[in-house]
Amino acid sequence: MVKDKPSIREWLIANKADYPDKASAVRACAEALGSTVDTVRVKANLFRLFDNAPVVTAKSAAAQRSLSQFRDKYDIPFKIRNGIKRHLVGDVYMTDGEFRDACGVLLNSWRRNADLDEFAPYRYRFGGELLWANQDTMRTMKQIAGVFVED
């Protein structure tokens, strides 16, 4: 079997010294081998063919996430605060399960976070059912149910 073209790695090893910088060597390799500049750049980084080149692959570059994505996934009190702002607007109320689902929180993470003191003004147990509402609606619901409410 006769090999027509060298691999990207072979070409860069053989020719990189002929170019003043990594970018020009990558462009020349892409042109010589009929590949894309991005493909050559990823392979050059993967094989660490240039000094101080970070190891970056297409897969790892696509997997980068932000701190706000981490917070959206794992910060349960943050999700509950956002749920209060989004879902408990106006004269509406929700059951505990409905509100948990609306906040996108798994059951095993819900109770220990939903019972935090900061959320006490938004929840109340009526007749064995835990309900969530904004503070004004909760006050009205308590008055309707005959529960003493301080102003």
Protein backbone atom coordinates (compact mmCIF):
# COMPACT_ATOMS: atom_id res chain seq x y z
CA MET A 1 0.00 0.00 0.00
CA VAL A 2 1.44 3.33 -1.11
CA LYS A 3 0.75 6.36 0.99
CA ASP A 4 -0.04 9.48 -1.05
CA LYS A 5 0.05 12.18 1.60
CA PRO A 6 1.62 12.32 5.04
CA SER A 7 -0.63 12.64 8.08
CA ILE A 8 -1.10 16.05 9.66
CA ARG A 9 1.27 15.04 12.45
CA GLU A 10 3.95 13.83 10.01
CA TRP A 11 3.65 16.97 7.86
CA LEU A 12 3.91 19.33 10.83
CA ILE A 13 6.89 17.50 12.31
CA ALA A 14 8.69 17.60 8.96
CA ASN A 15 7.84 21.20 8.03
CA LYS A 16 7.06 23.33 11.10
CA ALA A 17 10.62 24.66 11.35
CA ASP A 18 10.18 26.29 7.91
CA TYR A 19 7.52 28.67 9.25
CA PRO A 20 7.92 31.64 11.61
CA ASP A 21 4.96 30.77 13.83
CA LYS A 22 2.36 28.14 14.60
CA ALA A 23 -0.44 29.90 12.70
CA SER A 24 1.44 30.03 9.42
CA ALA A 25 2.57 26.39 9.78
CA VAL A 26 -1.02 25.31 10.46
CA ARG A 27 -2.33 27.24 7.42
CA ALA A 28 0.37 25.77 5.18
CA CYS A 29 -0.35 22.24 6.44
CA ALA A 30 -4.06 22.66 5.84
CA GLU A 31 -3.42 23.89 2.31
CA ALA A 32 -0.88 21.16 1.52
CA LEU A 33 -3.07 18.33 2.81
CA GLY A 34 -6.45 19.68 1.72
CA SER A 35 -7.70 19.88 5.28
CA THR A 36 -9.33 22.67 7.29
CA VAL A 37 -7.28 25.02 9.43
CA ASP A 38 -9.39 24.07 12.46
CA THR A 39 -8.70 20.36 12.00
CA VAL A 40 -4.95 20.97 11.70
CA ARG A 41 -4.96 23.31 14.73
CA VAL A 42 -6.77 20.74 16.88
CA LYS A 43 -4.40 17.94 15.83
CA ALA A 44 -1.34 20.15 16.38
CA ASN A 45 -2.54 20.91 19.91
CA LEU A 46 -3.46 17.29 20.53
CA PHE A 47 -0.01 16.09 19.55
CA ARG A 48 1.68 19.02 21.35
CA LEU A 49 3.76 19.84 18.32
CA PHE A 50 4.35 23.46 19.28
CA ASP A 51 5.85 24.79 22.50
CA ASN A 52 3.32 25.77 25.16
CA ALA A 53 0.40 24.61 23.05
CA PRO A 54 -2.58 23.75 25.23
CA VAL A 55 -4.11 20.35 24.72
CA VAL A 56 -7.44 21.14 23.10
CA THR A 57 -9.57 18.76 21.15
CA ALA A 58 -12.80 19.43 19.35
CA LYS A 59 -14.59 17.36 21.98
CA SER A 60 -13.10 19.20 24.98
CA ALA A 61 -13.64 22.61 23.40
CA ALA A 62 -17.32 21.80 22.86
CA ALA A 63 -17.65 20.60 26.46
CA GLN A 64 -16.65 23.92 28.06
CA ARG A 65 -19.38 25.33 30.27
CA SER A 66 -19.90 28.53 32.20
CA LEU A 67 -20.28 29.09 35.92
CA SER A 68 -23.85 30.24 35.32
CA GLN A 69 -24.61 26.87 33.69
CA PHE A 70 -23.19 25.17 36.80
CA ARG A 71 -25.35 27.38 39.06
CA ASP A 72 -28.46 26.67 36.97
CA LYS A 73 -27.89 22.95 37.46
CA TYR A 74 -26.66 22.62 41.05
CA ASP A 75 -27.63 25.73 43.08
CA ILE A 76 -31.05 24.64 44.37
CA PRO A 77 -31.81 27.78 46.46
CA PHE A 78 -31.00 29.83 43.33
CA LYS A 79 -33.51 27.73 41.36
CA ILE A 80 -36.15 28.24 44.05
CA ARG A 81 -35.56 32.02 44.12
CA ASN A 82 -35.92 32.12 40.33
CA GLY A 83 -39.05 29.96 40.59
CA ILE A 84 -40.60 32.43 43.02
CA LYS A 85 -39.88 35.30 40.61
CA ARG A 86 -41.17 33.43 37.54
CA HIS A 87 -44.05 31.28 38.76
CA LEU A 88 -45.51 32.93 41.86
CA VAL A 89 -46.55 36.16 40.19
CA GLY A 90 -49.94 37.71 40.83
CA ASP A 91 -52.72 35.92 42.70
CA VAL A 92 -51.61 32.37 41.92
CA TYR A 93 -50.54 29.55 44.19
CA MET A 94 -49.03 26.13 43.56
CA THR A 95 -48.81 22.88 45.47
CA ASP A 96 -45.39 21.84 46.71
CA GLY A 97 -45.03 19.24 43.95
CA GLU A 98 -46.17 21.62 41.21
CA PHE A 99 -43.75 24.29 42.38
CA ARG A 100 -40.87 21.80 42.66
CA ASP A 101 -41.51 20.63 39.09
CA ALA A 102 -41.76 24.23 37.85
CA CYS A 103 -38.40 24.99 39.47
CA GLY A 104 -36.85 21.92 37.85
CA VAL A 105 -35.55 20.44 41.11
CA LEU A 106 -35.28 16.72 41.76
CA LEU A 107 -37.22 15.35 44.73
CA ASN A 108 -34.10 14.20 46.61
CA SER A 109 -32.70 17.79 46.58
CA TRP A 110 -35.97 19.62 47.18
CA ARG A 111 -36.99 19.28 50.82
CA ARG A 112 -33.70 20.26 52.48
CA ASN A 113 -33.58 23.41 50.32
CA ALA A 114 -37.28 24.31 50.18
CA ASP A 115 -37.41 24.27 54.00
CA LEU A 116 -34.76 26.98 54.33
CA ASP A 117 -35.91 29.94 56.46
CA GLU A 118 -35.60 32.38 53.56
CA PHE A 119 -38.51 30.62 51.80
CA ALA A 120 -40.85 30.45 54.83
CA PRO A 121 -42.88 33.53 53.74
CA TYR A 122 -43.73 31.79 50.45
CA ARG A 123 -45.00 28.45 51.79
CA TYR A 124 -47.73 27.39 54.19
CA ARG A 125 -49.47 24.13 55.05
CA PHE A 126 -53.23 24.35 54.53
CA GLY A 127 -55.24 21.27 55.50
CA GLY A 128 -52.30 18.90 55.17
CA GLU A 129 -51.21 20.30 51.80
CA LEU A 130 -48.10 22.47 51.47
CA LEU A 131 -48.75 25.44 49.17
CA TRP A 132 -46.49 28.09 47.66
CA ALA A 133 -47.45 31.67 46.72
CA ASN A 134 -45.96 35.15 46.74
CA GLN A 135 -46.16 36.99 50.06
CA ASP A 136 -49.23 39.08 49.21
CA THR A 137 -51.18 36.09 47.92
CA MET A 138 -50.08 34.00 50.90
CA ARG A 139 -51.33 36.70 53.30
CA THR A 140 -54.73 36.76 51.53
CA MET A 141 -54.95 32.95 51.55
CA LYS A 142 -54.25 32.91 55.30
CA GLN A 143 -56.94 35.53 55.90
CA ILE A 144 -59.45 33.52 53.85
CA ALA A 145 -58.58 30.38 55.82
CA GLY A 146 -58.95 32.27 59.13
CA VAL A 147 -55.27 32.09 60.05
CA PHE A 148 -53.99 35.01 62.15
CA VAL A 149 -51.88 37.30 59.96
CA GLU A 150 -49.66 40.10 61.26
CA ASP A 151 -49.13 43.16 59.08
